[in-house]
Every structure is written in C-alpha cells, then in structure tokens.
C-alpha cells in the first residue's frame, strides 16, 4: 500500500508542476493574459 500512495503523490506533484509551468508560459504572452481577463470580465 505504501508504494502505491508514494506513486500517487509523485503523479500529483508532476501534474501540479505541469499546471504551474503552463501558467508561467501563459504569462510570457501578455496578449493571452489580456484575452483571459477580458473573457473573465465578460462573464459578469
């Protein structure tokens, strides 16, 4: 059981790192962030 929980923890950390990396890449493109903000504001 311990081996399985360790594997799930590593998979979760890898997923978190991938999401954070994608967010960082998105912030390198200012047009993307402006578009995202505009879409968010249009919801209200």
Protein backbone atom coordinates (compact mmCIF):
# COMPACT_ATOMS: atom_id res chain seq x y z
CA UNK A 1 0.00 0.00 0.00
CA UNK A 2 2.85 2.42 0.80
CA UNK A 3 4.32 2.08 -2.67
CA UNK A 4 1.01 2.97 -4.30
CA UNK A 5 0.48 6.12 -2.21
CA UNK A 6 4.03 7.24 -2.97
CA UNK A 7 3.39 6.78 -6.68
CA UNK A 8 0.15 8.75 -6.47
CA UNK A 9 1.94 11.52 -4.60
CA UNK A 10 4.59 11.76 -7.35
CA UNK A 11 1.92 11.79 -10.06
CA UNK A 12 0.08 14.57 -8.23
CA UNK A 13 3.28 16.60 -7.89
CA UNK A 14 4.06 16.11 -11.57
CA UNK A 15 0.57 17.30 -12.52
CA UNK A 16 0.91 20.33 -10.28
CA UNK A 17 4.29 21.17 -11.81
CA UNK A 18 2.83 20.88 -15.32
CA UNK A 19 -0.07 23.22 -14.49
CA UNK A 20 2.29 25.76 -12.93
CA UNK A 21 4.61 25.57 -15.96
CA UNK A 22 1.68 26.19 -18.31
CA UNK A 23 0.59 29.19 -16.23
CA UNK A 24 4.13 30.58 -16.36
CA UNK A 25 4.29 30.17 -20.14
CA UNK A 26 0.92 31.92 -20.41
CA UNK A 27 2.23 34.93 -18.51
CA UNK A 28 5.09 35.26 -21.01
CA UNK A 29 2.46 36.19 -23.61
CA UNK A 30 0.75 39.42 -22.47
CA UNK A 31 -1.94 39.18 -25.17
CA UNK A 32 -3.07 35.86 -23.75
CA UNK A 33 -3.46 37.30 -20.26
CA UNK A 34 -5.42 40.31 -21.56
CA UNK A 35 -7.70 37.99 -23.54
CA UNK A 36 -8.20 35.77 -20.50
CA UNK A 37 -9.02 38.79 -18.32
CA UNK A 38 -11.49 40.09 -20.91
CA UNK A 39 -13.25 36.73 -21.06
CA UNK A 40 -13.45 36.63 -17.28
CA UNK A 41 -14.95 40.15 -17.11
CA UNK A 42 -17.48 39.34 -19.84
CA UNK A 43 -18.94 36.63 -17.58
CA UNK A 44 -20.34 39.32 -15.29
